[in-house]
Amino acid sequence: MSTHRHEEHEHRHDHAHGGHEGHDHASGGHHHHHAPQEGQGRTFALAVGLNVLIVVVQAVYGFLAHSTALLADAGHNLSDVLGLLLAWGALWLGARRPNARYTFGLGSSSILASLANAALLLLACGAIVLESVQRLINPAPVAGLDVFIVATIGMVVNGFSAWLFMRGSKEDLNVRGAFMHMAADAAISAAVAVSGLIILFTGASWLDPLMSLVVVSVIVYGTWGLGRDAMRLAMAAVPPGVDMTRITSYLTALPGVRDVHDLHVWALSTTENAITVHLVMPQGHPGDEFVQGVVGTLRREYAMHHATVQVEFGEACQACVLNERGHGH
């Protein structure tokens, strides 16, 4: 997960704690940036508007052309509109400043939205599979030309929407979810359009549901990965793309550091990571400038947007509470 370009605001706190049992702790290097990618709100607004229009057109023509494929595609698009609204809301919540109750802000709502999006997409796929199987068993005559025209329009609109989200899909899991939704819709609409064209010339109405099943299998494969990544972030796992070995090596090699422990890395949102670590430095606290240098390096080179570094002399055992419970960290 890489640092993304956007407006950022920073604030750093440096304070010394008088530790017990002869310890001297320094906690510092809090670094935040919460602003979403520039223009992302407009992207969501445009994509939602276009997809609402497609849902209405596909539903109306689905009834007129007696096409269950178009109706299924309309239902799938409707689930994506709901998914986009979820993702858009999470983006807005994530941009809000931390407060007394949510001291990290509300960025983790983007993780919840990613989970919800994956669930919605899988649910929509289930509905399409059910519809496709029923149509394979009981094929019905379809107005192939109408299906081709409407599905092609849907493919173009969804493809355009996916392109809008492509820019932020690598940095933000939430935006990646929206991109997956739009790309999946474009693929489904393309399959429906092709089958409509073939049905128009051959009358092979069974081809439409068969192609739908193939497309759904591709969507499920991609969505499974999205849901897995979102679930891992929700469980405070190390975010994808973060190399713990590199971070540990960097911290261990710092001058004056004898040991590194209580190292924890987790995701604050689908774009921001946090790290806490204890550095054992027997020679004493190296000064605020040293701590801020470590924090800056963690942010720039290791994608740690919020870092808390604690320095201690190492005169007493500071076993991690999680290890005492029997859980590794």
C-alpha atoms as a PDB file:
ATOM      1  CA  MET A   1       0.000   0.000   0.000  1.00  0.00           C
ATOM      2  CA  SER A   2       1.724   3.164  -1.106  1.00  0.00           C
ATOM      3  CA  THR A   3       1.400   6.732   0.027  1.00  0.00           C
ATOM      4  CA  HIS A   4      -1.062   8.532  -2.244  1.00  0.00           C
ATOM      5  CA  ARG A   5      -1.026  12.096  -3.457  1.00  0.00           C
ATOM      6  CA  HIS A   6      -3.497  14.370  -1.765  1.00  0.00           C
ATOM      7  CA  GLU A   7      -3.681  17.398   0.467  1.00  0.00           C
ATOM      8  CA  GLU A   8      -2.277  16.574   3.839  1.00  0.00           C
ATOM      9  CA  HIS A   9      -2.209  18.158   7.222  1.00  0.00           C
ATOM     10  CA  GLU A  10       0.297  17.231   9.845  1.00  0.00           C
ATOM     11  CA  HIS A  11       0.615  17.603  13.526  1.00  0.00           C
ATOM     12  CA  ARG A  12       3.285  16.150  15.728  1.00  0.00           C
ATOM     13  CA  HIS A  13       3.394  15.710  19.460  1.00  0.00           C
ATOM     14  CA  ASP A  14       6.610  15.269  21.398  1.00  0.00           C
ATOM     15  CA  HIS A  15       6.438  14.689  25.108  1.00  0.00           C
ATOM     16  CA  ALA A  16       8.502  12.934  27.730  1.00  0.00           C
ATOM     17  CA  HIS A  17       7.044  10.546  30.273  1.00  0.00           C
ATOM     18  CA  GLY A  18       8.620   9.878  33.624  1.00  0.00           C
ATOM     19  CA  GLY A  19       8.643   6.062  33.645  1.00  0.00           C
ATOM     20  CA  HIS A  20       8.439   3.815  36.631  1.00  0.00           C
ATOM     21  CA  GLU A  21      11.343   1.664  37.777  1.00  0.00           C
ATOM     22  CA  GLY A  22      13.950   4.043  36.423  1.00  0.00           C
ATOM     23  CA  HIS A  23      12.537   4.181  32.881  1.00  0.00           C
ATOM     24  CA  ASP A  24      12.448   7.242  30.719  1.00  0.00           C
ATOM     25  CA  HIS A  25       9.970   6.999  27.843  1.00  0.00           C
ATOM     26  CA  ALA A  26       9.663   9.361  24.918  1.00  0.00           C
ATOM     27  CA  SER A  27       6.515   9.213  22.887  1.00  0.00           C
ATOM     28  CA  GLY A  28       6.425  11.198  19.687  1.00  0.00           C
ATOM     29  CA  GLY A  29       5.981  11.301  15.961  1.00  0.00           C
ATOM     30  CA  HIS A  30       2.251  11.390  15.453  1.00  0.00           C
ATOM     31  CA  HIS A  31       1.678  12.069  11.777  1.00  0.00           C
ATOM     32  CA  HIS A  32      -1.710  12.188  10.083  1.00  0.00           C
ATOM     33  CA  HIS A  33      -3.223  12.896   6.711  1.00  0.00           C
ATOM     34  CA  HIS A  34      -6.902  12.333   6.220  1.00  0.00           C
ATOM     35  CA  ALA A  35      -7.934  14.220   3.075  1.00  0.00           C
ATOM     36  CA  PRO A  36      -9.276  12.001   0.276  1.00  0.00           C
ATOM     37  CA  GLN A  37      -7.829  12.022  -3.206  1.00  0.00           C
ATOM     38  CA  GLU A  38      -8.689  15.218  -4.976  1.00  0.00           C
ATOM     39  CA  GLY A  39     -11.849  14.964  -7.052  1.00  0.00           C
ATOM     40  CA  GLN A  40     -12.884  11.581  -5.663  1.00  0.00           C
ATOM     41  CA  GLY A  41     -16.211  12.949  -4.379  1.00  0.00           C
ATOM     42  CA  ARG A  42     -17.102  14.195  -7.874  1.00  0.00           C
ATOM     43  CA  THR A  43     -16.151  10.787  -9.286  1.00  0.00           C
ATOM     44  CA  PHE A  44     -18.581   9.033  -6.938  1.00  0.00           C
ATOM     45  CA  ALA A  45     -21.351  11.571  -7.684  1.00  0.00           C
ATOM     46  CA  LEU A  46     -20.977  11.115 -11.447  1.00  0.00           C
ATOM     47  CA  ALA A  47     -20.792   7.307 -11.206  1.00  0.00           C
ATOM     48  CA  VAL A  48     -23.880   7.121  -8.974  1.00  0.00           C
ATOM     49  CA  GLY A  49     -25.869   9.407 -11.294  1.00  0.00           C
ATOM     50  CA  LEU A  50     -24.930   7.438 -14.422  1.00  0.00           C
ATOM     51  CA  ASN A  51     -25.705   4.095 -12.808  1.00  0.00           C
ATOM     52  CA  VAL A  52     -29.106   5.192 -11.512  1.00  0.00           C
ATOM     53  CA  LEU A  53     -29.920   6.166 -15.108  1.00  0.00           C
ATOM     54  CA  ILE A  54     -28.747   2.766 -16.400  1.00  0.00           C
ATOM     55  CA  VAL A  55     -30.829   0.922 -13.785  1.00  0.00           C
ATOM     56  CA  VAL A  56     -33.986   2.728 -14.903  1.00  0.00           C
ATOM     57  CA  VAL A  57     -33.313   2.172 -18.632  1.00  0.00           C
ATOM     58  CA  GLN A  58     -32.436  -1.520 -18.202  1.00  0.00           C
ATOM     59  CA  ALA A  59     -35.438  -2.198 -15.968  1.00  0.00           C
ATOM     60  CA  VAL A  60     -37.888  -0.559 -18.371  1.00  0.00           C
ATOM     61  CA  TYR A  61     -36.489  -2.252 -21.479  1.00  0.00           C
ATOM     62  CA  GLY A  62     -36.126  -5.542 -19.612  1.00  0.00           C
ATOM     63  CA  PHE A  63     -39.893  -5.614 -19.195  1.00  0.00           C
ATOM     64  CA  LEU A  64     -40.566  -4.382 -22.743  1.00  0.00           C
ATOM     65  CA  ALA A  65     -38.176  -6.873 -24.392  1.00  0.00           C
ATOM     66  CA  HIS A  66     -39.112  -9.762 -22.045  1.00  0.00           C
ATOM     67  CA  SER A  67     -35.419 -10.039 -21.187  1.00  0.00           C
ATOM     68  CA  THR A  68     -34.658 -11.508 -17.777  1.00  0.00           C
ATOM     69  CA  ALA A  69     -30.973 -10.916 -18.547  1.00  0.00           C
ATOM     70  CA  LEU A  70     -31.544  -7.159 -18.718  1.00  0.00           C
ATOM     71  CA  LEU A  71     -33.638  -7.267 -15.545  1.00  0.00           C
ATOM     72  CA  ALA A  72     -30.880  -9.201 -13.775  1.00  0.00           C
ATOM     73  CA  ASP A  73     -28.312  -6.707 -15.022  1.00  0.00           C
ATOM     74  CA  ALA A  74     -30.501  -3.856 -13.764  1.00  0.00           C
ATOM     75  CA  GLY A  75     -30.688  -5.519 -10.350  1.00  0.00           C
ATOM     76  CA  HIS A  76     -26.939  -5.947 -10.322  1.00  0.00           C
ATOM     77  CA  ASN A  77     -26.473  -2.279 -11.211  1.00  0.00           C
ATOM     78  CA  LEU A  78     -28.858  -1.306  -8.417  1.00  0.00           C
ATOM     79  CA  SER A  79     -26.742  -3.227  -5.890  1.00  0.00           C
ATOM     80  CA  ASP A  80     -23.720  -1.354  -7.229  1.00  0.00           C
ATOM     81  CA  VAL A  81     -25.448   1.995  -6.757  1.00  0.00           C
ATOM     82  CA  LEU A  82     -25.951   1.049  -3.102  1.00  0.00           C
ATOM     83  CA  GLY A  83     -22.319  -0.075  -2.921  1.00  0.00           C
ATOM     84  CA  LEU A  84     -21.112   3.205  -4.423  1.00  0.00           C
ATOM     85  CA  LEU A  85     -23.197   5.170  -1.926  1.00  0.00           C
ATOM     86  CA  LEU A  86     -21.578   3.156   0.892  1.00  0.00           C
ATOM     87  CA  ALA A  87     -18.089   3.795  -0.472  1.00  0.00           C
ATOM     88  CA  TRP A  88     -18.846   7.485  -1.019  1.00  0.00           C
ATOM     89  CA  GLY A  89     -20.129   7.821   2.536  1.00  0.00           C
ATOM     90  CA  ALA A  90     -16.997   6.117   3.857  1.00  0.00           C
ATOM     91  CA  LEU A  91     -14.836   8.547   1.876  1.00  0.00           C
ATOM     92  CA  TRP A  92     -16.688  11.477   3.463  1.00  0.00           C
ATOM     93  CA  LEU A  93     -16.440   9.998   6.955  1.00  0.00           C
ATOM     94  CA  GLY A  94     -12.746   9.277   6.465  1.00  0.00           C
ATOM     95  CA  ALA A  95     -12.063  12.963   5.716  1.00  0.00           C
ATOM     96  CA  ARG A  96     -13.511  14.111   9.048  1.00  0.00           C
ATOM     97  CA  ARG A  97     -11.132  15.155  11.787  1.00  0.00           C
ATOM     98  CA  PRO A  98     -10.535  12.983  14.868  1.00  0.00           C
ATOM     99  CA  ASN A  99     -12.597  13.833  17.946  1.00  0.00           C
ATOM    100  CA  ALA A 100     -12.744  12.907  21.626  1.00  0.00           C
ATOM    101  CA  ARG A 101     -14.555   9.627  20.912  1.00  0.00           C
ATOM    102  CA  TYR A 102     -12.915   8.642  17.613  1.00  0.00           C
ATOM    103  CA  THR A 103      -9.336   9.676  18.273  1.00  0.00           C
ATOM    104  CA  PHE A 104      -8.093   8.110  15.018  1.00  0.00           C
ATOM    105  CA  GLY A 105     -10.889   9.721  13.025  1.00  0.00           C
ATOM    106  CA  LEU A 106     -13.450   7.737  11.022  1.00  0.00           C
ATOM    107  CA  GLY A 107     -11.148   6.442   8.280  1.00  0.00           C
ATOM    108  CA  SER A 108     -11.799   2.822   9.251  1.00  0.00           C
ATOM    109  CA  SER A 109     -15.322   3.238   7.844  1.00  0.00           C
ATOM    110  CA  SER A 110     -13.682   2.725   4.428  1.00  0.00           C
ATOM    111  CA  ILE A 111     -12.680  -0.794   5.567  1.00  0.00           C
ATOM    112  CA  LEU A 112     -16.282  -1.539   6.586  1.00  0.00           C
ATOM    113  CA  ALA A 113     -17.496  -0.189   3.239  1.00  0.00           C
ATOM    114  CA  SER A 114     -15.068  -2.490   1.403  1.00  0.00           C
ATOM    115  CA  LEU A 115     -16.483  -5.479   3.316  1.00  0.00           C
ATOM    116  CA  ALA A 116     -20.053  -4.382   2.556  1.00  0.00           C
ATOM    117  CA  ASN A 117     -19.221  -3.890  -1.122  1.00  0.00           C
ATOM    118  CA  ALA A 118     -17.748  -7.383  -1.397  1.00  0.00           C
ATOM    119  CA  ALA A 119     -20.818  -8.862   0.299  1.00  0.00           C
ATOM    120  CA  LEU A 120     -23.184  -6.942  -1.983  1.00  0.00           C
ATOM    121  CA  LEU A 121     -21.320  -8.033  -5.096  1.00  0.00           C
ATOM    122  CA  LEU A 122     -21.359 -11.689  -4.039  1.00  0.00           C
ATOM    123  CA  LEU A 123     -25.082 -11.388  -3.277  1.00  0.00           C
ATOM    124  CA  ALA A 124     -25.726  -9.906  -6.723  1.00  0.00           C
ATOM    125  CA  CYS A 125     -23.692 -12.714  -8.309  1.00  0.00           C
ATOM    126  CA  GLY A 126     -25.818 -15.268  -6.463  1.00  0.00           C
ATOM    127  CA  ALA A 127     -28.985 -13.690  -7.854  1.00  0.00           C
ATOM    128  CA  ILE A 128     -27.574 -13.729 -11.394  1.00  0.00           C
ATOM    129  CA  VAL A 129     -26.532 -17.397 -11.091  1.00  0.00           C
ATOM    130  CA  LEU A 130     -30.038 -18.310  -9.909  1.00  0.00           C
ATOM    131  CA  GLU A 131     -31.623 -16.398 -12.776  1.00  0.00           C
ATOM    132  CA  SER A 132     -29.210 -17.879 -15.325  1.00  0.00           C
ATOM    133  CA  VAL A 133     -29.835 -21.471 -14.205  1.00  0.00           C
ATOM    134  CA  GLN A 134     -33.610 -20.923 -14.418  1.00  0.00           C
ATOM    135  CA  ARG A 135     -33.226 -19.537 -17.928  1.00  0.00           C
ATOM    136  CA  LEU A 136     -31.070 -22.487 -18.980  1.00  0.00           C
ATOM    137  CA  ILE A 137     -33.780 -24.870 -17.771  1.00  0.00           C
ATOM    138  CA  ASN A 138     -36.647 -22.837 -19.227  1.00  0.00           C
ATOM    139  CA  PRO A 139     -35.350 -20.739 -22.152  1.00  0.00           C
ATOM    140  CA  ALA A 140     -37.648 -17.915 -23.213  1.00  0.00           C
ATOM    141  CA  PRO A 141     -37.772 -15.899 -26.461  1.00  0.00           C
ATOM    142  CA  VAL A 142     -35.879 -12.623 -26.166  1.00  0.00           C
ATOM    143  CA  ALA A 143     -35.935  -9.416 -28.240  1.00  0.00           C
ATOM    144  CA  GLY A 144     -32.273  -9.713 -29.192  1.00  0.00           C
ATOM    145  CA  LEU A 145     -31.869  -6.272 -30.813  1.00  0.00           C
ATOM    146  CA  ASP A 146     -33.294  -4.392 -27.827  1.00  0.00           C
ATOM    147  CA  VAL A 147     -31.107  -6.414 -25.461  1.00  0.00           C
ATOM    148  CA  PHE A 148     -28.018  -5.679 -27.570  1.00  0.00           C
ATOM    149  CA  ILE A 149     -28.634  -1.915 -27.735  1.00  0.00           C
ATOM    150  CA  VAL A 150     -29.483  -1.411 -24.051  1.00  0.00           C
ATOM    151  CA  ALA A 151     -26.722  -3.712 -22.812  1.00  0.00           C
ATOM    152  CA  THR A 152     -24.174  -1.925 -25.019  1.00  0.00           C
ATOM    153  CA  ILE A 153     -25.193   1.417 -23.499  1.00  0.00           C
ATOM    154  CA  GLY A 154     -24.791  -0.154 -20.054  1.00  0.00           C
ATOM    155  CA  MET A 155     -21.362  -1.481 -20.993  1.00  0.00           C
ATOM    156  CA  VAL A 156     -20.170   1.958 -22.162  1.00  0.00           C
ATOM    157  CA  VAL A 157     -21.487   3.749 -19.065  1.00  0.00           C
ATOM    158  CA  ASN A 158     -20.061   1.189 -16.655  1.00  0.00           C
ATOM    159  CA  GLY A 159     -16.759   1.098 -18.498  1.00  0.00           C
ATOM    160  CA  PHE A 160     -16.542   4.884 -18.242  1.00  0.00           C
ATOM    161  CA  SER A 161     -17.383   4.728 -14.519  1.00  0.00           C
ATOM    162  CA  ALA A 162     -14.679   2.070 -13.956  1.00  0.00           C
ATOM    163  CA  TRP A 163     -12.173   4.287 -15.770  1.00  0.00           C
ATOM    164  CA  LEU A 164     -13.036   7.168 -13.425  1.00  0.00           C
ATOM    165  CA  PHE A 165     -12.147   5.015 -10.408  1.00  0.00           C
ATOM    166  CA  MET A 166      -9.048   3.437 -11.942  1.00  0.00           C
ATOM    167  CA  ARG A 167      -6.738   6.212 -10.734  1.00  0.00           C
ATOM    168  CA  GLY A 168      -7.322   5.545  -7.043  1.00  0.00           C
ATOM    169  CA  SER A 169      -7.916   1.789  -7.187  1.00  0.00           C
ATOM    170  CA  LYS A 170      -4.323   0.842  -6.380  1.00  0.00           C
ATOM    171  CA  GLU A 171      -3.949   3.058  -3.302  1.00  0.00           C
ATOM    172  CA  ASP A 172      -7.387   2.709  -1.725  1.00  0.00           C
ATOM    173  CA  LEU A 173      -9.142  -0.615  -1.118  1.00  0.00           C
ATOM    174  CA  ASN A 174     -12.462   1.212  -0.824  1.00  0.00           C
ATOM    175  CA  VAL A 175     -12.031   2.835  -4.249  1.00  0.00           C
ATOM    176  CA  ARG A 176     -10.804  -0.513  -5.576  1.00  0.00           C
ATOM    177  CA  GLY A 177     -14.134  -1.964  -4.482  1.00  0.00           C
ATOM    178  CA  ALA A 178     -15.982   0.699  -6.462  1.00  0.00           C
ATOM    179  CA  PHE A 179     -13.717   0.051  -9.470  1.00  0.00           C
ATOM    180  CA  MET A 180     -14.410  -3.697  -9.202  1.00  0.00           C
ATOM    181  CA  HIS A 181     -18.159  -3.036  -9.144  1.00  0.00           C
ATOM    182  CA  MET A 182     -18.038  -0.891 -12.276  1.00  0.00           C
ATOM    183  CA  ALA A 183     -15.664  -3.206 -14.163  1.00  0.00           C
ATOM    184  CA  ALA A 184     -17.850  -6.186 -13.271  1.00  0.00           C
ATOM    185  CA  ASP A 185     -20.942  -4.379 -14.501  1.00  0.00           C
ATOM    186  CA  ALA A 186     -19.221  -3.511 -17.785  1.00  0.00           C
ATOM    187  CA  ALA A 187     -18.247  -7.175 -18.271  1.00  0.00           C
ATOM    188  CA  ILE A 188     -21.764  -8.405 -17.531  1.00  0.00           C
ATOM    189  CA  SER A 189     -23.307  -5.825 -19.866  1.00  0.00           C
ATOM    190  CA  ALA A 190     -20.846  -6.852 -22.595  1.00  0.00           C
ATOM    191  CA  ALA A 191     -21.824 -10.514 -22.189  1.00  0.00           C
ATOM    192  CA  VAL A 192     -25.507  -9.618 -22.324  1.00  0.00           C
ATOM    193  CA  ALA A 193     -24.916  -7.468 -25.435  1.00  0.00           C
ATOM    194  CA  VAL A 194     -23.023 -10.218 -27.280  1.00  0.00           C
ATOM    195  CA  SER A 195     -25.604 -12.826 -26.389  1.00  0.00           C
ATOM    196  CA  GLY A 196     -28.364 -10.458 -27.518  1.00  0.00           C
ATOM    197  CA  LEU A 197     -26.675 -10.065 -30.895  1.00  0.00           C
ATOM    198  CA  ILE A 198     -26.205 -13.826 -31.342  1.00  0.00           C
ATOM    199  CA  ILE A 199     -29.792 -14.497 -30.259  1.00  0.00           C
ATOM    200  CA  LEU A 200     -30.963 -11.941 -32.821  1.00  0.00           C
ATOM    201  CA  PHE A 201     -29.343 -13.905 -35.677  1.00  0.00           C
ATOM    202  CA  THR A 202     -29.573 -17.501 -34.409  1.00  0.00           C
ATOM    203  CA  GLY A 203     -32.389 -17.611 -31.877  1.00  0.00           C
ATOM    204  CA  ALA A 204     -30.087 -19.488 -29.454  1.00  0.00           C
ATOM    205  CA  SER A 205     -31.579 -17.981 -26.286  1.00  0.00           C
ATOM    206  CA  TRP A 206     -29.704 -20.448 -24.064  1.00  0.00           C
ATOM    207  CA  LEU A 207     -26.426 -18.643 -24.850  1.00  0.00           C
ATOM    208  CA  ASP A 208     -27.330 -15.581 -22.767  1.00  0.00           C
ATOM    209  CA  PRO A 209     -27.551 -17.316 -19.354  1.00  0.00           C
ATOM    210  CA  LEU A 210     -24.490 -19.439 -20.184  1.00  0.00           C
ATOM    211  CA  MET A 211     -22.362 -16.349 -20.783  1.00  0.00           C
ATOM    212  CA  SER A 212     -23.720 -14.793 -17.621  1.00  0.00           C
ATOM    213  CA  LEU A 213     -22.454 -17.771 -15.599  1.00  0.00           C
ATOM    214  CA  VAL A 214     -18.961 -17.408 -17.094  1.00  0.00           C
ATOM    215  CA  VAL A 215     -18.846 -13.701 -16.286  1.00  0.00           C
ATOM    216  CA  VAL A 216     -20.112 -14.292 -12.737  1.00  0.00           C
ATOM    217  CA  SER A 217     -17.299 -16.784 -12.069  1.00  0.00           C
ATOM    218  CA  VAL A 218     -14.739 -14.118 -13.027  1.00  0.00           C
ATOM    219  CA  ILE A 219     -16.446 -11.539 -10.790  1.00  0.00           C
ATOM    220  CA  VAL A 220     -16.563 -13.912  -7.809  1.00  0.00           C
ATOM    221  CA  TYR A 221     -12.850 -14.610  -8.164  1.00  0.00           C
ATOM    222  CA  GLY A 222     -11.987 -10.897  -8.002  1.00  0.00           C
ATOM    223  CA  THR A 223     -14.500 -10.107  -5.274  1.00  0.00           C
ATOM    224  CA  TRP A 224     -13.196 -12.908  -3.080  1.00  0.00           C
ATOM    225  CA  GLY A 225      -9.767 -11.252  -3.051  1.00  0.00           C
ATOM    226  CA  LEU A 226     -11.283  -7.856  -2.276  1.00  0.00           C
ATOM    227  CA  GLY A 227     -13.326  -9.279   0.616  1.00  0.00           C
ATOM    228  CA  ARG A 228     -10.321 -11.187   1.973  1.00  0.00           C
ATOM    229  CA  ASP A 229      -8.146  -8.052   2.005  1.00  0.00           C
ATOM    230  CA  ALA A 230     -10.893  -5.992   3.655  1.00  0.00           C
ATOM    231  CA  MET A 231     -11.470  -8.664   6.314  1.00  0.00           C
ATOM    232  CA  ARG A 232      -7.757  -8.758   7.101  1.00  0.00           C
ATOM    233  CA  LEU A 233      -7.677  -4.980   7.529  1.00  0.00           C
ATOM    234  CA  ALA A 234     -10.752  -5.155   9.769  1.00  0.00           C
ATOM    235  CA  MET A 235      -8.897  -7.712  11.917  1.00  0.00           C
ATOM    236  CA  ALA A 236      -5.923  -5.301  12.274  1.00  0.00           C
ATOM    237  CA  ALA A 237      -3.637  -7.456  10.116  1.00  0.00           C
ATOM    238  CA  VAL A 238      -0.511  -5.948   8.572  1.00  0.00           C
ATOM    239  CA  PRO A 239      -1.801  -4.161   5.433  1.00  0.00           C
ATOM    240  CA  PRO A 240      -0.887  -5.508   1.978  1.00  0.00           C
ATOM    241  CA  GLY A 241       2.346  -4.058   0.642  1.00  0.00           C
ATOM    242  CA  VAL A 242       3.848  -3.394   4.086  1.00  0.00           C
ATOM    243  CA  ASP A 243       7.131  -5.266   4.589  1.00  0.00           C
ATOM    244  CA  MET A 244       7.522  -5.916   8.325  1.00  0.00           C
ATOM    245  CA  THR A 245      10.997  -7.393   7.824  1.00  0.00           C
ATOM    246  CA  ARG A 246      12.248  -4.168   6.210  1.00  0.00           C
ATOM    247  CA  ILE A 247      10.722  -2.022   8.953  1.00  0.00           C
ATOM    248  CA  THR A 248      12.244  -4.191  11.692  1.00  0.00           C
ATOM    249  CA  SER A 249      15.649  -4.127   9.998  1.00  0.00           C
ATOM    250  CA  TYR A 250      15.527  -0.331   9.673  1.00  0.00           C
ATOM    251  CA  LEU A 251      14.598   0.195  13.327  1.00  0.00           C
ATOM    252  CA  THR A 252      17.125  -2.357  14.625  1.00  0.00           C
ATOM    253  CA  ALA A 253      19.945  -0.728  12.637  1.00  0.00           C
ATOM    254  CA  LEU A 254      19.315   2.748  14.095  1.00  0.00           C
ATOM    255  CA  PRO A 255      22.337   4.059  16.054  1.00  0.00           C
ATOM    256  CA  GLY A 256      22.019   3.398  19.781  1.00  0.00           C
ATOM    257  CA  VAL A 257      19.149   0.899  19.438  1.00  0.00           C
ATOM    258  CA  ARG A 258      19.869  -2.390  21.226  1.00  0.00           C
ATOM    259  CA  ASP A 259      16.438  -3.983  20.849  1.00  0.00           C
ATOM    260  CA  VAL A 260      13.050  -3.442  19.225  1.00  0.00           C
ATOM    261  CA  HIS A 261       9.838  -4.763  20.747  1.00  0.00           C
ATOM    262  CA  ASP A 262       6.070  -4.127  20.912  1.00  0.00           C
ATOM    263  CA  LEU A 263       6.126  -3.481  17.158  1.00  0.00           C
ATOM    264  CA  HIS A 264       2.560  -3.270  15.853  1.00  0.00           C
ATOM    265  CA  VAL A 265       1.366  -2.230  12.396  1.00  0.00           C
ATOM    266  CA  TRP A 266      -2.274  -1.962  11.347  1.00  0.00           C
ATOM    267  CA  ALA A 267      -4.548  -0.073   8.970  1.00  0.00           C
ATOM    268  CA  LEU A 268      -6.369   3.070  10.095  1.00  0.00           C
ATOM    269  CA  SER A 269      -8.279   3.061   6.810  1.00  0.00           C
ATOM    270  CA  THR A 270      -7.940   1.632   3.314  1.00  0.00           C
ATOM    271  CA  THR A 271      -5.218   4.237   2.611  1.00  0.00           C
ATOM    272  CA  GLU A 272      -3.550   4.969   5.954  1.00  0.00           C
ATOM    273  CA  ASN A 273      -1.369   2.814   8.193  1.00  0.00           C
ATOM    274  CA  ALA A 274      -0.286   3.162  11.808  1.00  0.00           C
ATOM    275  CA  ILE A 275       2.716   1.826  13.710  1.00  0.00           C
ATOM    276  CA  THR A 276       3.709   1.714  17.382  1.00  0.00           C
ATOM    277  CA  VAL A 277       7.117   0.529  18.546  1.00  0.00           C
ATOM    278  CA  HIS A 278       9.400   0.497  21.593  1.00  0.00           C
ATOM    279  CA  LEU A 279      13.102   1.178  21.013  1.00  0.00           C
ATOM    280  CA  VAL A 280      15.497   0.029  23.736  1.00  0.00           C
ATOM    281  CA  MET A 281      18.334   2.593  23.910  1.00  0.00           C
ATOM    282  CA  PRO A 282      20.584   2.021  26.978  1.00  0.00           C
ATOM    283  CA  GLN A 283      22.525   5.254  26.351  1.00  0.00           C
ATOM    284  CA  GLY A 284      19.409   7.302  27.035  1.00  0.00           C
ATOM    285  CA  HIS A 285      16.886   9.306  25.071  1.00  0.00           C
ATOM    286  CA  PRO A 286      18.482  10.556  21.831  1.00  0.00           C
ATOM    287  CA  GLY A 287      16.358  13.726  21.636  1.00  0.00           C
ATOM    288  CA  ASP A 288      13.206  14.819  19.840  1.00  0.00           C
ATOM    289  CA  GLU A 289      15.019  15.427  16.547  1.00  0.00           C
ATOM    290  CA  PHE A 290      16.068  11.771  16.395  1.00  0.00           C
ATOM    291  CA  VAL A 291      12.509  10.576  17.113  1.00  0.00           C
ATOM    292  CA  GLN A 292      11.032  12.925  14.511  1.00  0.00           C
ATOM    293  CA  GLY A 293      13.605  11.700  11.968  1.00  0.00           C
ATOM    294  CA  VAL A 294      12.514   8.102  12.569  1.00  0.00           C
ATOM    295  CA  VAL A 295       8.848   9.087  12.251  1.00  0.00           C
ATOM    296  CA  GLY A 296       9.519  10.963   9.005  1.00  0.00           C
ATOM    297  CA  THR A 297      11.393   8.013   7.489  1.00  0.00           C
ATOM    298  CA  LEU A 298       8.628   5.581   8.504  1.00  0.00           C
ATOM    299  CA  ARG A 299       6.100   7.834   6.790  1.00  0.00           C
ATOM    300  CA  ARG A 300       8.037   8.532   3.582  1.00  0.00           C
ATOM    301  CA  GLU A 301       9.692   5.168   2.946  1.00  0.00           C
ATOM    302  CA  TYR A 302       7.463   2.655   4.717  1.00  0.00           C
ATOM    303  CA  ALA A 303       3.944   4.150   4.267  1.00  0.00           C
ATOM    304  CA  MET A 304       3.367   4.578   8.018  1.00  0.00           C
ATOM    305  CA  HIS A 305       1.101   7.624   8.209  1.00  0.00           C
ATOM    306  CA  HIS A 306       0.732   7.637  11.993  1.00  0.00           C
ATOM    307  CA  ALA A 307       3.793   6.589  13.989  1.00  0.00           C
ATOM    308  CA  THR A 308       4.315   6.442  17.738  1.00  0.00           C
ATOM    309  CA  VAL A 309       7.857   5.705  18.897  1.00  0.00           C
ATOM    310  CA  GLN A 310       8.643   5.021  22.549  1.00  0.00           C
ATOM    311  CA  VAL A 311      12.222   5.063  23.807  1.00  0.00           C
ATOM    312  CA  GLU A 312      13.303   3.227  26.961  1.00  0.00           C
ATOM    313  CA  PHE A 313      16.549   2.367  28.736  1.00  0.00           C
ATOM    314  CA  GLY A 314      15.842  -1.357  28.881  1.00  0.00           C
ATOM    315  CA  GLU A 315      16.571  -1.659  32.607  1.00  0.00           C
ATOM    316  CA  ALA A 316      13.452  -3.775  33.262  1.00  0.00           C
ATOM    317  CA  CYS A 317      11.571  -6.400  31.292  1.00  0.00           C
ATOM    318  CA  GLN A 318       8.891  -4.780  29.154  1.00  0.00           C
ATOM    319  CA  ALA A 319       7.093  -7.877  27.864  1.00  0.00           C
ATOM    320  CA  CYS A 320       4.295  -7.191  25.392  1.00  0.00           C
ATOM    321  CA  VAL A 321       0.882  -7.644  26.993  1.00  0.00           C
ATOM    322  CA  LEU A 322      -0.301  -9.491  23.875  1.00  0.00           C
ATOM    323  CA  ASN A 323       2.501 -12.027  24.260  1.00  0.00           C
ATOM    324  CA  GLU A 324       1.542 -12.552  27.886  1.00  0.00           C
ATOM    325  CA  ARG A 325      -1.911 -13.505  26.650  1.00  0.00           C
ATOM    326  CA  GLY A 326      -0.318 -16.017  24.340  1.00  0.00           C
ATOM    327  CA  HIS A 327      -0.792 -14.032  21.107  1.00  0.00           C
ATOM    328  CA  GLY A 328       2.127 -13.143  18.887  1.00  0.00           C
ATOM    329  CA  HIS A 329       2.505  -9.631  17.545  1.00  0.00           C
END
